Protein backbone atom coordinates (compact mmCIF):
# COMPACT_ATOMS: atom_id res chain seq x y z
CA MET A 1 -16.42 178.19 -53.77
CA SER A 2 -14.51 175.27 -55.53
CA GLY A 3 -15.88 176.39 -58.85
CA ARG A 4 -17.11 172.74 -59.76
CA THR A 5 -20.50 172.16 -61.18
CA GLN A 6 -22.86 169.74 -59.35
CA ALA A 7 -23.86 168.55 -62.69
CA ARG A 8 -23.50 164.81 -62.72
CA ALA A 9 -22.26 162.83 -66.05
CA CYS A 10 -24.94 160.54 -67.57
CA PRO A 11 -23.45 157.47 -68.58
CA GLU A 12 -23.65 156.79 -72.12
CA ARG A 13 -23.99 153.30 -74.01
CA THR A 14 -24.10 152.34 -77.97
CA CYS A 15 -27.18 151.26 -79.76
CA VAL A 16 -25.92 147.38 -81.22
CA GLY A 17 -28.71 148.31 -84.04
CA CYS A 18 -28.08 151.58 -85.19
CA ARG A 19 -24.46 152.15 -83.59
CA GLU A 20 -25.43 155.58 -82.49
CA ARG A 21 -24.60 156.78 -78.69
CA ALA A 22 -27.21 157.67 -76.53
CA ALA A 23 -27.89 158.12 -72.66
CA LYS A 24 -28.20 154.73 -70.85
CA SER A 25 -31.80 155.83 -69.66
CA GLU A 26 -32.74 155.94 -73.11
CA LEU A 27 -31.88 152.25 -74.17
CA LEU A 28 -32.94 149.20 -73.49
CA ARG A 29 -30.64 146.65 -71.94
CA ILE A 30 -30.83 143.10 -73.39
CA VAL A 31 -29.62 139.63 -71.99
CA ALA A 32 -29.13 136.30 -72.83
CA ILE A 33 -30.66 133.63 -70.70
CA GLY A 34 -30.10 130.21 -72.34
CA ASP A 35 -30.59 130.73 -75.79
CA GLU A 36 -33.37 133.47 -75.66
CA CYS A 37 -32.56 137.52 -75.90
CA VAL A 38 -34.72 138.94 -72.72
CA PRO A 39 -35.29 142.82 -72.10
CA ASP A 40 -34.01 144.04 -68.79
CA PRO A 41 -35.66 147.18 -68.58
CA ARG A 42 -34.64 147.66 -64.77
CA GLY A 43 -31.14 146.73 -65.42
CA THR A 44 -30.55 144.04 -62.54
CA LEU A 45 -30.41 140.67 -64.24
CA PRO A 46 -26.94 139.20 -64.00
CA GLY A 47 -24.62 138.98 -66.93
CA ARG A 48 -23.59 140.48 -70.11
CA GLY A 49 -25.49 143.16 -71.67
CA ALA A 50 -26.54 144.44 -74.90
CA TYR A 51 -28.46 147.96 -75.25
CA VAL A 52 -30.62 148.82 -78.08
CA HIS A 53 -32.99 151.96 -78.75
CA PRO A 54 -36.73 150.59 -77.87
CA ALA A 55 -37.66 150.97 -81.36
CA ALA A 56 -38.84 148.37 -84.29
CA VAL A 57 -36.11 150.16 -86.78
CA CYS A 58 -32.83 149.42 -84.13
CA LEU A 59 -33.84 146.17 -83.65
CA ASP A 60 -34.61 144.91 -86.81
CA LYS A 61 -31.06 146.53 -87.57
CA ALA A 62 -29.62 144.36 -84.88
CA VAL A 63 -30.94 141.11 -85.70
CA ARG A 64 -30.22 141.47 -89.23
CA ARG A 65 -26.31 142.21 -88.38
CA ARG A 66 -26.45 139.51 -86.13
CA ALA A 67 -25.22 142.04 -83.31
CA PHE A 68 -26.59 140.29 -80.34
CA PRO A 69 -24.81 136.95 -80.12
CA ARG A 70 -21.51 138.72 -80.80
CA ALA A 71 -22.42 141.52 -78.02
CA LEU A 72 -23.61 138.98 -75.66
CA ARG A 73 -20.75 136.53 -76.71
CA SER A 74 -23.01 133.72 -77.40
CA ALA A 75 -21.54 130.77 -79.27
CA GLY A 76 -25.07 130.05 -81.21
CA ALA A 77 -27.80 132.03 -82.55
CA LEU A 78 -30.32 133.73 -80.13
CA ASP A 79 -33.89 133.85 -80.16
CA THR A 80 -35.35 137.26 -80.37
CA ALA A 81 -39.04 136.52 -80.98
CA GLY A 82 -39.95 137.63 -77.22
CA LEU A 83 -37.65 140.47 -77.59
CA ALA A 84 -39.41 141.71 -80.59
CA ALA A 85 -42.74 141.49 -78.90
CA ALA A 86 -41.59 143.24 -75.74
CA VAL A 87 -40.56 146.34 -77.98
CA ALA A 88 -43.58 146.56 -79.56
CA ASP A 89 -45.45 146.43 -76.44
CA ARG A 90 -43.15 149.19 -74.88
CA ALA A 91 -43.57 151.17 -78.20
CA GLU A 92 -47.36 151.24 -77.75
CA ALA A 93 -47.17 152.43 -74.25
CA THR A 94 -45.02 154.82 -75.00
CA PRO A 95 -47.26 158.12 -76.44
């Protein structure tokens, strides 16, 4: 026996809204496509990603702090209207 455990490390990311660290699986990845923030639940879209808790509170904090343009290294402001609708739909789907 080597004494090593088989437990795998879970990757962690920081929510751009509340600035708390959480498991990557608990957060929603956001990418910029053009001038719009788009949710990437599968994590397969190309480009730089930012992570946020799928809750309206964290999303509002991120928008208020202008965290998405900074995290995604965008030159201008990003449209988050579609993102807010996607987070609201995801919150309704989760019991």
